[in-house]
Amino acid sequence: MFAALVAASLCAQPVRAQAYLKNSEIGLSAFGQFTSSSNGNGIEVKPLDSLGGQATFRHVYHPWLGYEAGYGYTRFTDRYSSYPFSIQHNVHEFEGSYLASAPGLLGIKPFGLAGVSALLYSPTLNGGQNASAQARAAITFGIGADIPLLTSHFGMRVQYRGLYHQTPDYGQTMYDTGTWRLSSEPAVGAYFHF
């Protein structure tokens, strides 16, 4: 009797995991990052364009509604007019968004998202000019479409994401513009639907 209970409990665990993951998916994307220049307090900041990557987890709890959690990484350089050398930094993004999906047309399923992100600016050792790491909040929004390939469980994702955030100042007045800027991230990637 005890052995039968143990066997039943072992079999019940995967069923619960599959039920939770039923309307979930994971995705990997590559994106181009294009951040607008900003100008304030007599300081102009010109960021260089860059490439990055993002991993996401999505769960749909209603046919049209769900959420997305993601991690993104990119490395780029900001040029401050108040300092002769550029600041190169790694940017880590931790994102949480609401997700709205529309009914598919010819297999293509459009979506939109809106949420918040935490951006961690981490200046590099050699090109960071001894600037301190700094976290900034961002408003995240985007639109895109999922395009199934071969099966309904695997496909391609194309999207545009925008991040509206404060220009980093690393806690130093010589970098403080007091401004906000927009980072545009057109992306393409793949997803796997459970």
N, C-alpha and C. Protein backbone atom coordinates (compact mmCIF):
# COMPACT_ATOMS: atom_id res chain seq x y z
N MET A 1 0.83 -1.20 0.00
CA MET A 1 0.00 0.00 0.00
C MET A 1 0.88 1.27 0.00
N PHE A 2 1.92 1.28 0.86
CA PHE A 2 2.85 2.41 0.92
C PHE A 2 3.55 2.60 -0.42
N ALA A 3 4.01 1.52 -1.04
CA ALA A 3 4.69 1.61 -2.34
C ALA A 3 3.75 2.17 -3.40
N ALA A 4 2.49 1.81 -3.36
CA ALA A 4 1.51 2.32 -4.33
C ALA A 4 1.30 3.82 -4.15
N LEU A 5 1.27 4.31 -2.91
CA LEU A 5 1.13 5.73 -2.64
C LEU A 5 2.34 6.53 -3.13
N VAL A 6 3.54 5.98 -2.88
CA VAL A 6 4.76 6.65 -3.34
C VAL A 6 4.78 6.71 -4.86
N ALA A 7 4.44 5.62 -5.52
CA ALA A 7 4.41 5.60 -6.99
C ALA A 7 3.39 6.59 -7.53
N ALA A 8 2.23 6.68 -6.90
CA ALA A 8 1.20 7.61 -7.34
C ALA A 8 1.64 9.06 -7.17
N SER A 9 2.33 9.36 -6.06
CA SER A 9 2.79 10.74 -5.85
C SER A 9 3.88 11.13 -6.84
N LEU A 10 4.74 10.19 -7.23
CA LEU A 10 5.77 10.48 -8.22
C LEU A 10 5.16 10.75 -9.58
N CYS A 11 4.11 10.05 -9.92
CA CYS A 11 3.44 10.26 -11.20
C CYS A 11 2.63 11.55 -11.21
N ALA A 12 2.16 12.00 -10.07
CA ALA A 12 1.32 13.19 -10.00
C ALA A 12 2.13 14.47 -10.19
N GLN A 13 3.39 14.49 -9.84
CA GLN A 13 4.20 15.69 -9.96
C GLN A 13 4.33 16.18 -11.40
N PRO A 14 4.68 15.34 -12.37
CA PRO A 14 4.80 15.83 -13.74
C PRO A 14 3.48 16.35 -14.30
N VAL A 15 2.37 15.78 -13.90
CA VAL A 15 1.08 16.24 -14.39
C VAL A 15 0.84 17.69 -13.98
N ARG A 16 1.15 18.04 -12.73
CA ARG A 16 0.98 19.41 -12.28
C ARG A 16 1.91 20.35 -13.03
N ALA A 17 3.15 19.95 -13.28
CA ALA A 17 4.09 20.80 -14.01
C ALA A 17 3.60 21.02 -15.43
N GLN A 18 3.11 19.97 -16.07
CA GLN A 18 2.62 20.12 -17.44
C GLN A 18 1.39 21.01 -17.48
N ALA A 19 0.52 20.91 -16.47
CA ALA A 19 -0.67 21.76 -16.44
C ALA A 19 -0.29 23.22 -16.30
N TYR A 20 0.72 23.53 -15.50
CA TYR A 20 1.13 24.91 -15.34
C TYR A 20 1.77 25.45 -16.61
N LEU A 21 2.59 24.64 -17.26
CA LEU A 21 3.29 25.09 -18.45
C LEU A 21 2.44 25.03 -19.72
N LYS A 22 1.20 24.56 -19.60
CA LYS A 22 0.35 24.35 -20.77
C LYS A 22 0.27 25.58 -21.68
N ASN A 23 0.03 26.73 -21.16
CA ASN A 23 -0.09 27.95 -21.96
C ASN A 23 1.13 28.86 -21.78
N SER A 24 2.30 28.26 -21.69
CA SER A 24 3.53 29.02 -21.48
C SER A 24 4.47 28.84 -22.65
N GLU A 25 5.42 29.75 -22.74
CA GLU A 25 6.44 29.64 -23.78
C GLU A 25 7.72 30.34 -23.34
N ILE A 26 8.81 29.89 -23.90
CA ILE A 26 10.10 30.54 -23.69
C ILE A 26 10.58 31.06 -25.03
N GLY A 27 11.33 32.13 -24.99
CA GLY A 27 11.82 32.73 -26.23
C GLY A 27 13.23 33.27 -26.09
N LEU A 28 13.94 33.28 -27.19
CA LEU A 28 15.28 33.87 -27.28
C LEU A 28 15.28 34.81 -28.47
N SER A 29 15.77 36.03 -28.28
CA SER A 29 15.77 37.02 -29.35
C SER A 29 17.08 37.77 -29.38
N ALA A 30 17.45 38.21 -30.57
CA ALA A 30 18.56 39.14 -30.76
C ALA A 30 17.95 40.48 -31.16
N PHE A 31 18.49 41.56 -30.66
CA PHE A 31 17.93 42.88 -30.97
C PHE A 31 19.03 43.89 -31.26
N GLY A 32 18.65 44.91 -32.01
CA GLY A 32 19.50 46.07 -32.20
C GLY A 32 19.03 47.13 -31.22
N GLN A 33 19.95 47.81 -30.58
CA GLN A 33 19.56 48.86 -29.64
C GLN A 33 19.97 50.21 -30.19
N PHE A 34 18.98 51.09 -30.30
CA PHE A 34 19.18 52.43 -30.81
C PHE A 34 18.61 53.40 -29.76
N THR A 35 19.50 54.09 -29.05
CA THR A 35 19.09 54.97 -27.96
C THR A 35 19.24 56.42 -28.39
N SER A 36 18.22 57.21 -28.09
CA SER A 36 18.22 58.62 -28.49
C SER A 36 19.23 59.42 -27.67
N SER A 37 19.73 60.49 -28.26
CA SER A 37 20.61 61.41 -27.56
C SER A 37 19.80 62.20 -26.55
N SER A 38 20.47 62.72 -25.54
CA SER A 38 19.78 63.55 -24.55
C SER A 38 20.66 64.76 -24.23
N ASN A 39 20.00 65.84 -23.83
CA ASN A 39 20.71 67.10 -23.60
C ASN A 39 20.05 67.82 -22.44
N GLY A 40 20.80 68.08 -21.38
CA GLY A 40 20.27 68.80 -20.22
C GLY A 40 21.40 69.25 -19.31
N ASN A 41 21.16 70.31 -18.58
CA ASN A 41 22.17 70.88 -17.67
C ASN A 41 23.47 71.21 -18.38
N GLY A 42 23.37 71.56 -19.67
CA GLY A 42 24.57 71.89 -20.44
C GLY A 42 25.40 70.69 -20.84
N ILE A 43 24.86 69.48 -20.67
CA ILE A 43 25.59 68.25 -21.00
C ILE A 43 24.82 67.50 -22.08
N GLU A 44 25.51 67.10 -23.14
CA GLU A 44 24.89 66.30 -24.19
C GLU A 44 25.44 64.88 -24.13
N VAL A 45 24.53 63.90 -24.25
CA VAL A 45 24.93 62.50 -24.21
C VAL A 45 24.54 61.86 -25.54
N LYS A 46 25.54 61.27 -26.23
CA LYS A 46 25.30 60.59 -27.49
C LYS A 46 25.66 59.11 -27.33
N PRO A 47 24.66 58.22 -27.29
CA PRO A 47 24.94 56.79 -27.19
C PRO A 47 25.26 56.20 -28.56
N LEU A 48 26.08 55.18 -28.57
CA LEU A 48 26.36 54.44 -29.79
C LEU A 48 25.35 53.30 -29.93
N ASP A 49 25.05 52.93 -31.16
CA ASP A 49 24.14 51.81 -31.41
C ASP A 49 24.83 50.51 -31.02
N SER A 50 24.02 49.50 -30.72
CA SER A 50 24.58 48.24 -30.24
C SER A 50 23.67 47.07 -30.58
N LEU A 51 24.15 45.87 -30.30
CA LEU A 51 23.38 44.64 -30.42
C LEU A 51 23.25 44.00 -29.05
N GLY A 52 22.18 43.26 -28.84
CA GLY A 52 21.98 42.60 -27.56
C GLY A 52 21.14 41.35 -27.72
N GLY A 53 20.85 40.72 -26.59
CA GLY A 53 20.05 39.51 -26.59
C GLY A 53 19.08 39.51 -25.43
N GLN A 54 17.98 38.76 -25.59
CA GLN A 54 16.97 38.70 -24.54
C GLN A 54 16.40 37.29 -24.46
N ALA A 55 16.16 36.84 -23.22
CA ALA A 55 15.47 35.57 -22.95
C ALA A 55 14.18 35.91 -22.21
N THR A 56 13.06 35.29 -22.62
CA THR A 56 11.78 35.59 -22.00
C THR A 56 11.02 34.33 -21.63
N PHE A 57 10.14 34.50 -20.66
CA PHE A 57 9.16 33.48 -20.30
C PHE A 57 7.80 34.14 -20.35
N ARG A 58 6.86 33.52 -21.06
CA ARG A 58 5.50 34.06 -21.16
C ARG A 58 4.51 33.02 -20.67
N HIS A 59 3.47 33.51 -20.03
CA HIS A 59 2.36 32.63 -19.62
C HIS A 59 1.06 33.35 -19.96
N VAL A 60 0.17 32.64 -20.66
CA VAL A 60 -1.13 33.18 -21.03
C VAL A 60 -2.16 32.53 -20.12
N TYR A 61 -2.85 33.35 -19.30
CA TYR A 61 -3.84 32.82 -18.37
C TYR A 61 -5.27 33.02 -18.87
N HIS A 62 -5.43 33.73 -19.95
CA HIS A 62 -6.72 33.96 -20.60
C HIS A 62 -6.42 33.94 -22.10
N PRO A 63 -7.36 33.59 -22.96
CA PRO A 63 -7.02 33.52 -24.39
C PRO A 63 -6.32 34.76 -24.95
N TRP A 64 -6.56 35.93 -24.38
CA TRP A 64 -5.93 37.14 -24.91
C TRP A 64 -4.99 37.82 -23.94
N LEU A 65 -4.93 37.38 -22.70
CA LEU A 65 -4.14 38.09 -21.69
C LEU A 65 -3.10 37.17 -21.05
N GLY A 66 -1.97 37.76 -20.69
CA GLY A 66 -0.92 37.01 -20.02
C GLY A 66 0.14 37.95 -19.47
N TYR A 67 1.29 37.39 -19.17
CA TYR A 67 2.40 38.20 -18.69
C TYR A 67 3.70 37.67 -19.27
N GLU A 68 4.70 38.53 -19.23
CA GLU A 68 6.04 38.18 -19.72
C GLU A 68 7.07 38.61 -18.68
N ALA A 69 8.03 37.76 -18.43
CA ALA A 69 9.19 38.11 -17.60
C ALA A 69 10.42 37.86 -18.46
N GLY A 70 11.38 38.77 -18.41
CA GLY A 70 12.53 38.61 -19.30
C GLY A 70 13.81 39.19 -18.73
N TYR A 71 14.90 38.73 -19.32
CA TYR A 71 16.24 39.26 -19.01
C TYR A 71 16.90 39.62 -20.33
N GLY A 72 17.44 40.83 -20.41
CA GLY A 72 18.15 41.25 -21.61
C GLY A 72 19.53 41.77 -21.28
N TYR A 73 20.42 41.68 -22.25
CA TYR A 73 21.80 42.15 -22.06
C TYR A 73 22.26 42.85 -23.32
N THR A 74 22.92 43.97 -23.14
CA THR A 74 23.60 44.65 -24.23
C THR A 74 24.80 45.41 -23.67
N ARG A 75 25.70 45.76 -24.56
CA ARG A 75 26.90 46.52 -24.17
C ARG A 75 27.05 47.65 -25.16
N PHE A 76 27.07 48.88 -24.65
CA PHE A 76 27.25 50.01 -25.55
C PHE A 76 27.97 51.14 -24.84
N THR A 77 28.22 52.22 -25.57
CA THR A 77 29.02 53.33 -25.08
C THR A 77 28.21 54.62 -25.12
N ASP A 78 28.31 55.42 -24.05
CA ASP A 78 27.72 56.76 -23.99
C ASP A 78 28.85 57.78 -24.08
N ARG A 79 28.66 58.80 -24.92
CA ARG A 79 29.63 59.89 -25.02
C ARG A 79 29.04 61.13 -24.36
N TYR A 80 29.64 61.56 -23.27
CA TYR A 80 29.21 62.74 -22.52
C TYR A 80 30.04 63.94 -22.95
N SER A 81 29.40 65.06 -23.27
CA SER A 81 30.15 66.26 -23.69
C SER A 81 30.95 66.85 -22.54
N SER A 82 30.62 66.48 -21.30
CA SER A 82 31.31 67.03 -20.13
C SER A 82 32.57 66.26 -19.76
N TYR A 83 32.88 65.18 -20.50
CA TYR A 83 34.03 64.35 -20.16
C TYR A 83 34.71 63.93 -21.46
N PRO A 84 36.04 63.96 -21.51
CA PRO A 84 36.73 63.69 -22.78
C PRO A 84 36.67 62.23 -23.24
N PHE A 85 36.40 61.31 -22.33
CA PHE A 85 36.38 59.89 -22.69
C PHE A 85 34.97 59.33 -22.61
N SER A 86 34.67 58.40 -23.49
CA SER A 86 33.36 57.75 -23.48
C SER A 86 33.27 56.75 -22.33
N ILE A 87 32.02 56.44 -21.92
CA ILE A 87 31.80 55.45 -20.87
C ILE A 87 31.17 54.22 -21.51
N GLN A 88 31.89 53.12 -21.46
CA GLN A 88 31.39 51.86 -21.98
C GLN A 88 30.78 51.08 -20.81
N HIS A 89 29.60 50.53 -21.03
CA HIS A 89 28.96 49.79 -19.94
C HIS A 89 28.17 48.61 -20.45
N ASN A 90 28.01 47.65 -19.56
CA ASN A 90 27.12 46.52 -19.77
C ASN A 90 25.78 46.90 -19.17
N VAL A 91 24.71 46.63 -19.89
CA VAL A 91 23.38 46.94 -19.38
C VAL A 91 22.61 45.63 -19.23
N HIS A 92 22.16 45.38 -18.01
CA HIS A 92 21.34 44.21 -17.70
C HIS A 92 19.91 44.71 -17.49
N GLU A 93 18.96 44.09 -18.19
CA GLU A 93 17.56 44.49 -18.07
C GLU A 93 16.74 43.36 -17.49
N PHE A 94 15.96 43.66 -16.46
CA PHE A 94 15.05 42.71 -15.83
C PHE A 94 13.64 43.26 -16.04
N GLU A 95 12.83 42.55 -16.83
CA GLU A 95 11.56 43.09 -17.31
C GLU A 95 10.38 42.27 -16.85
N GLY A 96 9.27 42.95 -16.55
CA GLY A 96 7.99 42.33 -16.26
C GLY A 96 6.90 43.11 -16.96
N SER A 97 6.09 42.44 -17.79
CA SER A 97 5.09 43.14 -18.58
C SER A 97 3.79 42.36 -18.66
N TYR A 98 2.71 43.10 -18.82
CA TYR A 98 1.43 42.49 -19.19
C TYR A 98 1.46 42.26 -20.69
N LEU A 99 0.78 41.20 -21.12
CA LEU A 99 0.80 40.80 -22.51
C LEU A 99 -0.63 40.69 -23.02
N ALA A 100 -0.93 41.29 -24.16
CA ALA A 100 -2.25 41.17 -24.79
C ALA A 100 -2.04 40.61 -26.18
N SER A 101 -2.75 39.54 -26.49
CA SER A 101 -2.64 38.88 -27.79
C SER A 101 -3.95 39.03 -28.55
N ALA A 102 -3.85 39.14 -29.85
CA ALA A 102 -5.04 39.19 -30.70
C ALA A 102 -5.21 37.82 -31.37
N PRO A 103 -6.42 37.52 -31.83
CA PRO A 103 -6.62 36.26 -32.54
C PRO A 103 -5.71 36.20 -33.78
N GLY A 104 -5.21 35.02 -34.07
CA GLY A 104 -4.31 34.85 -35.19
C GLY A 104 -4.99 34.95 -36.53
N LEU A 105 -4.26 35.41 -37.53
CA LEU A 105 -4.73 35.49 -38.89
C LEU A 105 -3.70 34.84 -39.79
N LEU A 106 -4.09 33.77 -40.49
CA LEU A 106 -3.18 33.00 -41.33
C LEU A 106 -2.00 32.45 -40.51
N GLY A 107 -2.25 32.13 -39.26
CA GLY A 107 -1.23 31.57 -38.39
C GLY A 107 -0.39 32.60 -37.67
N ILE A 108 -0.44 33.85 -38.08
CA ILE A 108 0.35 34.92 -37.46
C ILE A 108 -0.45 35.49 -36.30
N LYS A 109 0.17 35.52 -35.12
CA LYS A 109 -0.52 35.97 -33.91
C LYS A 109 0.12 37.26 -33.39
N PRO A 110 -0.55 38.42 -33.59
CA PRO A 110 0.02 39.68 -33.09
C PRO A 110 -0.14 39.83 -31.58
N PHE A 111 0.73 40.63 -30.98
CA PHE A 111 0.67 40.87 -29.54
C PHE A 111 1.18 42.27 -29.23
N GLY A 112 0.83 42.74 -28.05
CA GLY A 112 1.34 43.99 -27.52
C GLY A 112 1.72 43.78 -26.06
N LEU A 113 2.64 44.56 -25.56
CA LEU A 113 3.03 44.43 -24.16
C LEU A 113 3.32 45.79 -23.56
N ALA A 114 3.11 45.88 -22.25
CA ALA A 114 3.39 47.11 -21.50
C ALA A 114 3.76 46.71 -20.08
N GLY A 115 4.80 47.33 -19.54
CA GLY A 115 5.23 46.99 -18.18
C GLY A 115 6.36 47.88 -17.72
N VAL A 116 7.17 47.33 -16.82
CA VAL A 116 8.31 48.05 -16.26
C VAL A 116 9.56 47.18 -16.34
N SER A 117 10.69 47.84 -16.35
CA SER A 117 11.97 47.14 -16.35
C SER A 117 12.90 47.81 -15.35
N ALA A 118 13.84 47.05 -14.87
CA ALA A 118 14.95 47.59 -14.07
C ALA A 118 16.20 47.46 -14.92
N LEU A 119 16.86 48.57 -15.17
CA LEU A 119 18.09 48.59 -15.96
C LEU A 119 19.27 48.76 -15.02
N LEU A 120 20.24 47.89 -15.12
CA LEU A 120 21.45 48.00 -14.32
C LEU A 120 22.60 48.35 -15.25
N TYR A 121 23.11 49.58 -15.12
CA TYR A 121 24.26 50.04 -15.88
C TYR A 121 25.52 49.65 -15.10
N SER A 122 26.34 48.84 -15.71
CA SER A 122 27.56 48.38 -15.06
C SER A 122 28.76 48.75 -15.93
N PRO A 123 29.43 49.88 -15.64
CA PRO A 123 30.57 50.30 -16.45
C PRO A 123 31.66 49.23 -16.50
N THR A 124 32.27 49.07 -17.67
CA THR A 124 33.30 48.05 -17.84
C THR A 124 34.58 48.46 -17.11
N LEU A 125 35.47 47.49 -16.90
CA LEU A 125 36.70 47.76 -16.16
C LEU A 125 37.63 48.69 -16.92
N ASN A 126 37.79 48.48 -18.23
CA ASN A 126 38.75 49.29 -18.98
C ASN A 126 38.14 50.54 -19.59
N GLY A 127 36.88 50.48 -20.04
CA GLY A 127 36.27 51.63 -20.69
C GLY A 127 35.24 52.34 -19.87
N GLY A 128 35.12 51.98 -18.59
CA GLY A 128 34.08 52.56 -17.75
C GLY A 128 34.47 53.83 -17.03
N GLN A 129 35.72 54.27 -17.16
CA GLN A 129 36.20 55.52 -16.56
C GLN A 129 35.95 55.59 -15.05
N ASN A 130 36.02 54.45 -14.38
CA ASN A 130 35.82 54.34 -12.94
C ASN A 130 34.46 54.85 -12.47
N ALA A 131 33.48 54.85 -13.35
CA ALA A 131 32.12 55.24 -12.96
C ALA A 131 31.49 54.10 -12.16
N SER A 132 30.59 54.45 -11.26
CA SER A 132 29.92 53.45 -10.41
C SER A 132 28.73 52.85 -11.14
N ALA A 133 28.38 51.62 -10.79
CA ALA A 133 27.19 50.98 -11.34
C ALA A 133 25.96 51.74 -10.87
N GLN A 134 24.92 51.72 -11.69
CA GLN A 134 23.71 52.45 -11.35
C GLN A 134 22.48 51.73 -11.91
N ALA A 135 21.42 51.70 -11.13
CA ALA A 135 20.16 51.10 -11.56
C ALA A 135 19.18 52.22 -11.92
N ARG A 136 18.41 51.98 -12.96
CA ARG A 136 17.38 52.92 -13.41
C ARG A 136 16.11 52.15 -13.73
N ALA A 137 14.97 52.72 -13.42
CA ALA A 137 13.69 52.12 -13.80
C ALA A 137 13.34 52.56 -15.21
N ALA A 138 12.58 51.73 -15.92
CA ALA A 138 12.17 52.06 -17.29
C ALA A 138 10.73 51.65 -17.50
N ILE A 139 10.04 52.40 -18.33
CA ILE A 139 8.71 52.02 -18.80
C ILE A 139 8.92 51.23 -20.08
N THR A 140 8.35 50.04 -20.14
CA THR A 140 8.56 49.14 -21.28
C THR A 140 7.25 49.01 -22.07
N PHE A 141 7.36 49.04 -23.38
CA PHE A 141 6.20 48.83 -24.23
C PHE A 141 6.66 48.18 -25.53
N GLY A 142 5.75 47.53 -26.23
CA GLY A 142 6.14 46.91 -27.48
C GLY A 142 4.98 46.28 -28.23
N ILE A 143 5.24 45.96 -29.49
CA ILE A 143 4.30 45.24 -30.33
C ILE A 143 5.10 44.22 -31.14
N GLY A 144 4.41 43.19 -31.61
CA GLY A 144 5.09 42.19 -32.41
C GLY A 144 4.14 41.12 -32.89
N ALA A 145 4.73 40.05 -33.40
CA ALA A 145 3.93 38.94 -33.91
C ALA A 145 4.71 37.64 -33.77
N ASP A 146 3.98 36.58 -33.46
CA ASP A 146 4.53 35.22 -33.44
C ASP A 146 4.10 34.52 -34.73
N ILE A 147 5.07 33.91 -35.40
CA ILE A 147 4.80 33.23 -36.66
C ILE A 147 5.20 31.77 -36.50
N PRO A 148 4.22 30.84 -36.44
CA PRO A 148 4.57 29.42 -36.25
C PRO A 148 5.34 28.87 -37.45
N LEU A 149 6.28 28.00 -37.16
CA LEU A 149 7.07 27.33 -38.19
C LEU A 149 6.95 25.82 -37.99
N LEU A 150 6.47 25.13 -38.95
CA LEU A 150 6.31 23.67 -38.96
C LEU A 150 5.23 23.16 -38.01
N THR A 151 5.24 23.60 -36.75
CA THR A 151 4.23 23.16 -35.78
C THR A 151 3.74 24.38 -35.00
N SER A 152 2.69 24.19 -34.20
CA SER A 152 2.20 25.29 -33.36
C SER A 152 3.05 25.47 -32.11
N HIS A 153 4.03 24.60 -31.88
CA HIS A 153 4.87 24.68 -30.67
C HIS A 153 6.18 25.42 -30.88
N PHE A 154 6.50 25.74 -32.12
CA PHE A 154 7.78 26.39 -32.40
C PHE A 154 7.56 27.44 -33.47
N GLY A 155 8.22 28.59 -33.32
CA GLY A 155 8.05 29.62 -34.32
C GLY A 155 9.04 30.75 -34.20
N MET A 156 8.83 31.74 -35.06
CA MET A 156 9.68 32.92 -35.11
C MET A 156 8.91 34.09 -34.49
N ARG A 157 9.62 34.92 -33.77
CA ARG A 157 9.01 36.11 -33.15
C ARG A 157 9.72 37.36 -33.68
N VAL A 158 8.94 38.30 -34.17
CA VAL A 158 9.46 39.61 -34.57
C VAL A 158 8.75 40.64 -33.70
N GLN A 159 9.50 41.62 -33.24
CA GLN A 159 8.88 42.61 -32.35
C GLN A 159 9.69 43.89 -32.30
N TYR A 160 9.01 44.93 -31.82
CA TYR A 160 9.65 46.19 -31.48
C TYR A 160 9.39 46.42 -30.00
N ARG A 161 10.45 46.73 -29.27
CA ARG A 161 10.31 47.07 -27.85
C ARG A 161 10.90 48.46 -27.64
N GLY A 162 10.25 49.23 -26.79
CA GLY A 162 10.75 50.54 -26.42
C GLY A 162 10.95 50.61 -24.92
N LEU A 163 12.02 51.26 -24.50
CA LEU A 163 12.31 51.47 -23.08
C LEU A 163 12.49 52.97 -22.87
N TYR A 164 11.65 53.56 -22.04
CA TYR A 164 11.75 54.98 -21.74
C TYR A 164 12.33 55.09 -20.33
N HIS A 165 13.52 55.69 -20.22
CA HIS A 165 14.26 55.67 -18.96
C HIS A 165 15.13 56.91 -18.78
N GLN A 166 15.57 57.15 -17.56
CA GLN A 166 16.47 58.27 -17.27
C GLN A 166 17.85 57.99 -17.83
N THR A 167 18.49 59.05 -18.27
CA THR A 167 19.87 58.96 -18.72
C THR A 167 20.75 58.69 -17.50
N PRO A 168 21.65 57.71 -17.56
CA PRO A 168 22.47 57.42 -16.38
C PRO A 168 23.43 58.56 -16.05
N ASP A 169 23.64 58.80 -14.75
CA ASP A 169 24.61 59.81 -14.31
C ASP A 169 25.64 59.22 -13.35
N TYR A 170 25.51 57.95 -13.01
CA TYR A 170 26.47 57.23 -12.17
C TYR A 170 26.73 57.92 -10.84
N GLY A 171 25.77 58.73 -10.40
CA GLY A 171 25.90 59.41 -9.12
C GLY A 171 26.90 60.56 -9.12
N GLN A 172 27.27 61.08 -10.31
CA GLN A 172 28.25 62.15 -10.41
C GLN A 172 27.65 63.33 -11.18
N THR A 173 27.86 64.54 -10.68
CA THR A 173 27.25 65.72 -11.30
C THR A 173 27.78 65.98 -12.70
N MET A 174 29.00 65.57 -13.00
CA MET A 174 29.52 65.85 -14.35
C MET A 174 28.83 65.02 -15.43
N TYR A 175 28.02 64.00 -15.03
CA TYR A 175 27.25 63.21 -15.99
C TYR A 175 25.75 63.45 -15.88
N ASP A 176 25.32 64.32 -14.98
CA ASP A 176 23.90 64.50 -14.70
C ASP A 176 23.23 65.44 -15.69
N THR A 177 22.37 64.88 -16.55
CA THR A 177 21.61 65.70 -17.50
C THR A 177 20.20 65.96 -17.00
N GLY A 178 19.71 65.15 -16.07
CA GLY A 178 18.34 65.28 -15.58
C GLY A 178 17.30 64.98 -16.66
N THR A 179 17.66 64.19 -17.65
CA THR A 179 16.76 63.93 -18.78
C THR A 179 16.38 62.45 -18.87
N TRP A 180 15.35 62.19 -19.69
CA TRP A 180 14.92 60.83 -20.01
C TRP A 180 15.20 60.58 -21.48
N ARG A 181 15.35 59.32 -21.85
CA ARG A 181 15.61 58.99 -23.25
C ARG A 181 14.90 57.69 -23.63
N LEU A 182 14.81 57.46 -24.92
CA LEU A 182 14.13 56.28 -25.44
C LEU A 182 15.13 55.34 -26.08
N SER A 183 15.10 54.08 -25.66
CA SER A 183 15.88 53.04 -26.32
C SER A 183 14.92 52.20 -27.15
N SER A 184 15.17 52.14 -28.45
CA SER A 184 14.35 51.34 -29.37
C SER A 184 15.08 50.04 -29.65
N GLU A 185 14.33 48.92 -29.55
CA GLU A 185 14.95 47.60 -29.71
C GLU A 185 14.13 46.74 -30.67
N PRO A 186 14.34 46.88 -31.99
CA PRO A 186 13.72 45.92 -32.91
C PRO A 186 14.41 44.57 -32.75
N ALA A 187 13.62 43.49 -32.71
CA ALA A 187 14.18 42.18 -32.39
C ALA A 187 13.60 41.09 -33.28
N VAL A 188 14.37 40.03 -33.43
CA VAL A 188 13.90 38.83 -34.11
C VAL A 188 14.44 37.64 -33.32
N GLY A 189 13.62 36.60 -33.21
CA GLY A 189 14.06 35.45 -32.43
C GLY A 189 13.14 34.27 -32.63
N ALA A 190 13.23 33.32 -31.72
CA ALA A 190 12.45 32.09 -31.80
C ALA A 190 11.76 31.87 -30.46
N TYR A 191 10.66 31.13 -30.50
CA TYR A 191 9.94 30.78 -29.28
C TYR A 191 9.56 29.30 -29.32
N PHE A 192 9.40 28.75 -28.14
CA PHE A 192 8.92 27.38 -27.99
C PHE A 192 7.70 27.40 -27.09
N HIS A 193 6.57 26.91 -27.58
CA HIS A 193 5.31 26.92 -26.85
C HIS A 193 5.07 25.53 -26.26
N PHE A 194 4.84 25.46 -24.95
CA PHE A 194 4.62 24.18 -24.29
C PHE A 194 3.21 23.67 -24.56
